[in-house]
Amino acid sequence: MENKDLITAGTPRRRFLGAMASGVAALGISTVISPLQSHAENNFFNNPGIDAEEWFKKLKGKHRIVFDVPEPNGIFPFAWPRIFLATNAATGTPEKDCGIVVVLRHNAIPYAMEHRLWAKYDFNQVFKVTDPRTNKPSTRNPFWQPAQGDFKVPGIGAVPIGINELQESGVMFCVCDAALTVYSAVTADILKQDAAEIRKDWVSGLLPGIQIVPAGVWAVNRAQEKGCSYCFTG
């Protein structure tokens, strides 16, 4: 059976995805520990290809903030960085003097990935993401290269809150490797495929400029150590 058939397959898979959408904990602690244990044993947490410490050295600016994004939450994970930039500009601080890190972790990791993966792995069924533009289940990454005017705020109008638009304004995005590992392993179990291959596919489909970090909580800590104030996106 091909991937596209498995994505739309019957009841057992839907039940599994429903449980997964409730949180990995609902699947039992062994579901989480097994891939993480393998991850640790294979030394992936010390992956020399994940040079996150070096990446954090790029953080500049007088006013610094980290947005912690553990869950999809409408436009807020992307609107708030833009609001931070806009209000700083209005009070005399240009974009170049603002340092912003957005940490995509836990159920928010699909935002780090391209449209192809959303369709191939039916991310909406796993992560329950609603497209803020249509108010319907999302079959694509709604915040990657949105059309002009896709997002409007009452009283303000159209706002440029696409990930690519925020990156152009200097916002730094990273994604949790621990979550990539756990969710790709669980997805592999569903599809009866090799976990390493699915993780490889997910990593290959990360958006340009998205940095893999060992864990989202690790990144939140590093950002604060480098002078970022903390903002939880809900």
Protein backbone atom coordinates (compact mmCIF):
# COMPACT_ATOMS: atom_id res chain seq x y z
CA MET A 1 0.00 0.00 0.00
CA GLU A 2 1.36 3.44 -0.92
CA ASN A 3 1.74 6.36 1.48
CA LYS A 4 -1.26 8.16 -0.02
CA ASP A 5 -3.42 5.11 0.68
CA LEU A 6 -2.20 4.87 4.24
CA ILE A 7 -2.95 8.53 4.84
CA THR A 8 -6.62 7.94 4.04
CA ALA A 9 -6.84 4.40 5.35
CA GLY A 10 -9.53 3.20 7.63
CA THR A 11 -10.55 3.19 11.24
CA PRO A 12 -7.52 1.76 13.11
CA ARG A 13 -5.22 4.46 11.80
CA ARG A 14 -7.76 7.21 12.50
CA ARG A 15 -8.15 5.96 16.07
CA PHE A 16 -4.39 6.00 16.50
CA LEU A 17 -4.09 9.51 15.10
CA GLY A 18 -6.89 10.65 17.36
CA ALA A 19 -5.03 9.40 20.39
CA MET A 20 -1.83 10.99 19.17
CA ALA A 21 -3.57 14.33 18.71
CA SER A 22 -4.46 14.21 22.40
CA GLY A 23 -0.76 14.28 23.17
CA VAL A 24 2.04 11.75 23.04
CA ALA A 25 1.52 11.02 26.73
CA ALA A 26 -1.84 9.45 25.91
CA LEU A 27 0.00 6.73 24.00
CA GLY A 28 1.92 5.62 27.06
CA ILE A 29 5.30 6.66 28.40
CA SER A 30 7.07 3.86 26.50
CA THR A 31 6.01 5.47 23.22
CA VAL A 32 8.02 8.53 24.16
CA ILE A 33 10.92 6.86 25.92
CA SER A 34 11.69 4.31 23.19
CA PRO A 35 12.63 6.74 20.40
CA LEU A 36 14.32 9.10 22.84
CA GLN A 37 16.35 6.21 24.27
CA SER A 38 17.41 5.25 20.76
CA HIS A 39 18.19 8.88 20.04
CA ALA A 40 20.46 9.08 23.06
CA GLU A 41 22.16 5.75 22.40
CA ASN A 42 22.96 6.83 18.85
CA ASN A 43 24.39 10.09 20.21
CA PHE A 44 21.99 12.17 18.13
CA PHE A 45 21.59 14.62 21.01
CA ASN A 46 25.24 15.45 20.43
CA ASN A 47 24.92 15.48 16.64
CA PRO A 48 27.83 17.49 15.22
CA GLY A 49 25.53 18.45 12.35
CA ILE A 50 23.34 20.38 14.78
CA ASP A 51 25.57 23.34 15.58
CA ALA A 52 22.93 25.14 17.61
CA GLU A 53 25.39 26.81 19.97
CA GLU A 54 27.04 28.47 16.99
CA TRP A 55 23.64 29.43 15.58
CA PHE A 56 22.74 31.27 18.77
CA LYS A 57 25.79 33.48 18.29
CA LYS A 58 23.88 35.11 15.42
CA LEU A 59 21.42 36.58 17.91
CA LYS A 60 21.95 40.34 17.91
CA GLY A 61 20.14 43.44 19.06
CA LYS A 62 19.58 45.47 22.19
CA HIS A 63 16.03 44.22 22.78
CA ARG A 64 15.80 40.42 22.75
CA ILE A 65 12.87 38.05 23.17
CA VAL A 66 12.13 34.35 22.72
CA PHE A 67 8.67 33.13 21.71
CA ASP A 68 8.00 29.63 23.04
CA VAL A 69 5.66 27.76 20.65
CA PRO A 70 4.67 24.30 21.97
CA GLU A 71 1.23 24.20 20.29
CA PRO A 72 -0.50 25.52 17.17
CA ASN A 73 -2.36 28.62 18.33
CA GLY A 74 -3.88 30.46 15.40
CA ILE A 75 -1.84 33.41 14.20
CA PHE A 76 -0.32 34.23 17.58
CA PRO A 77 3.06 32.43 17.28
CA PHE A 78 3.75 34.59 14.22
CA ALA A 79 1.73 37.73 14.92
CA TRP A 80 3.47 38.44 18.21
CA PRO A 81 6.99 38.58 16.73
CA ARG A 82 5.67 41.07 14.16
CA ILE A 83 3.96 43.10 16.88
CA PHE A 84 7.23 43.15 18.83
CA LEU A 85 9.05 44.48 15.77
CA ALA A 86 6.34 47.01 14.87
CA THR A 87 5.98 48.45 18.36
CA ASN A 88 9.74 48.70 18.78
CA ALA A 89 9.92 50.56 15.47
CA ALA A 90 7.15 52.88 16.65
CA THR A 91 9.11 53.66 19.81
CA GLY A 92 12.40 54.32 18.06
CA THR A 93 14.08 50.91 17.82
CA PRO A 94 14.73 49.62 14.28
CA GLU A 95 14.53 45.95 13.32
CA LYS A 96 18.32 45.57 13.36
CA ASP A 97 18.32 46.34 17.08
CA CYS A 98 15.76 43.64 17.90
CA GLY A 99 16.75 40.02 18.54
CA ILE A 100 13.91 37.51 18.18
CA VAL A 101 13.99 33.72 18.48
CA VAL A 102 10.92 31.56 17.78
CA VAL A 103 11.14 28.03 19.21
CA LEU A 104 8.89 25.51 17.44
CA ARG A 105 8.55 22.47 19.69
CA HIS A 106 6.15 19.70 20.69
CA ASN A 107 2.95 19.91 18.61
CA ALA A 108 4.10 23.04 16.76
CA ILE A 109 6.91 21.34 14.82
CA PRO A 110 4.96 21.02 11.53
CA TYR A 111 5.25 24.80 11.13
CA ALA A 112 8.95 24.17 10.46
CA MET A 113 8.17 21.95 7.46
CA GLU A 114 7.23 22.47 3.83
CA HIS A 115 3.82 21.92 2.23
CA ARG A 116 4.89 18.57 0.74
CA LEU A 117 5.22 16.94 4.15
CA TRP A 118 1.89 18.29 5.38
CA ALA A 119 0.14 16.54 2.51
CA LYS A 120 2.24 13.36 2.56
CA TYR A 121 1.88 12.68 6.30
CA ASP A 122 -1.50 14.33 6.87
CA PHE A 123 -0.13 16.58 9.60
CA ASN A 124 -3.53 18.03 10.34
CA GLN A 125 -4.70 14.64 11.62
CA VAL A 126 -1.68 14.38 13.91
CA PHE A 127 -1.27 17.94 15.11
CA LYS A 128 -4.78 19.39 14.61
CA VAL A 129 -3.80 22.61 12.88
CA THR A 130 -6.51 24.98 11.68
CA ASP A 131 -5.65 27.27 8.78
CA PRO A 132 -6.33 30.78 10.18
CA ARG A 133 -7.10 32.02 6.68
CA THR A 134 -9.90 29.52 5.99
CA ASN A 135 -10.80 28.34 9.53
CA LYS A 136 -10.63 24.80 8.14
CA PRO A 137 -8.20 21.95 8.86
CA SER A 138 -4.89 22.84 7.26
CA THR A 139 -3.47 20.71 4.47
CA ARG A 140 -0.44 22.97 4.02
CA ASN A 141 1.83 25.15 6.11
CA PRO A 142 -0.30 28.31 6.30
CA PHE A 143 2.60 30.47 7.44
CA TRP A 144 5.08 29.62 4.71
CA GLN A 145 5.06 32.14 1.85
CA PRO A 146 1.45 33.25 2.37
CA ALA A 147 -0.20 35.40 -0.26
CA GLN A 148 -0.34 39.13 0.38
CA GLY A 149 -3.38 39.89 2.48
CA ASP A 150 -3.82 36.33 3.77
CA PHE A 151 -3.69 37.60 7.35
CA LYS A 152 -5.57 40.67 8.50
CA VAL A 153 -5.99 42.09 11.98
CA PRO A 154 -9.09 44.19 12.77
CA GLY A 155 -8.16 47.85 13.06
CA ILE A 156 -4.73 47.23 11.56
CA GLY A 157 -5.27 45.51 8.23
CA ALA A 158 -2.98 43.08 6.42
CA VAL A 159 0.02 41.96 8.45
CA PRO A 160 3.18 40.28 7.09
CA ILE A 161 3.45 37.32 9.45
CA GLY A 162 4.63 34.58 7.13
CA ILE A 163 7.70 32.75 8.36
CA ASN A 164 9.60 33.94 5.29
CA GLU A 165 8.47 37.53 5.93
CA LEU A 166 9.55 37.37 9.56
CA GLN A 167 12.90 35.88 8.56
CA GLU A 168 13.41 38.83 6.22
CA SER A 169 12.97 41.04 9.30
CA GLY A 170 15.68 39.14 11.17
CA VAL A 171 13.53 36.71 13.18
CA MET A 172 15.34 33.44 13.93
CA PHE A 173 13.38 30.15 13.88
CA CYS A 174 14.41 26.81 15.34
CA VAL A 175 12.75 23.41 15.73
CA CYS A 176 13.03 20.76 18.43
CA ASP A 177 15.00 17.68 17.37
CA ALA A 178 13.59 15.61 20.23
CA ALA A 179 10.05 16.23 18.94
CA LEU A 180 11.10 15.48 15.37
CA THR A 181 12.52 12.19 16.60
CA VAL A 182 9.52 11.14 18.69
CA TYR A 183 6.82 12.11 16.20
CA SER A 184 8.63 10.69 13.19
CA ALA A 185 9.12 7.41 15.08
CA VAL A 186 5.45 7.22 16.02
CA THR A 187 4.48 8.07 12.43
CA ALA A 188 6.81 5.31 11.20
CA ASP A 189 5.06 2.86 13.49
CA ILE A 190 1.70 3.87 12.03
CA LEU A 191 2.91 3.54 8.45
CA LYS A 192 4.99 0.42 9.13
CA GLN A 193 8.05 2.15 7.75
CA ASP A 194 11.59 2.83 8.92
CA ALA A 195 11.72 5.58 11.55
CA ALA A 196 15.14 6.80 10.43
CA GLU A 197 13.89 7.21 6.86
CA ILE A 198 10.84 9.22 7.91
CA ARG A 199 12.93 11.43 10.17
CA LYS A 200 15.34 11.94 7.26
CA ASP A 201 12.42 12.92 5.05
CA TRP A 202 11.15 15.42 7.63
CA VAL A 203 14.59 16.96 8.04
CA SER A 204 14.97 17.22 4.27
CA GLY A 205 11.68 19.12 4.18
CA LEU A 206 12.56 21.73 6.79
CA LEU A 207 12.01 25.27 5.59
CA PRO A 208 15.06 27.34 4.60
CA GLY A 209 16.69 29.00 7.57
CA ILE A 210 15.08 26.76 10.21
CA GLN A 211 17.72 25.59 12.68
CA ILE A 212 17.44 22.18 14.35
CA VAL A 213 18.18 22.38 18.08
CA PRO A 214 18.65 19.40 20.43
CA ALA A 215 15.36 20.19 22.20
CA GLY A 216 12.93 23.07 22.34
CA VAL A 217 13.42 23.49 26.06
CA TRP A 218 17.18 23.60 25.46
CA ALA A 219 16.65 26.45 22.98
CA VAL A 220 14.38 28.36 25.34
CA ASN A 221 17.09 28.16 27.98
CA ARG A 222 19.88 29.24 25.63
CA ALA A 223 17.84 32.17 24.35
CA GLN A 224 17.25 33.40 27.90
CA GLU A 225 20.91 32.95 28.79
CA LYS A 226 21.66 35.25 25.86
CA GLY A 227 19.42 37.96 27.23
CA CYS A 228 16.02 37.14 25.71
CA SER A 229 12.92 37.83 27.72
CA TYR A 230 10.38 35.00 27.58
CA CYS A 231 6.96 34.99 25.90
CA PHE A 232 4.70 31.93 25.92
CA THR A 233 2.49 31.79 22.82
CA GLY A 234 -0.20 29.58 24.38
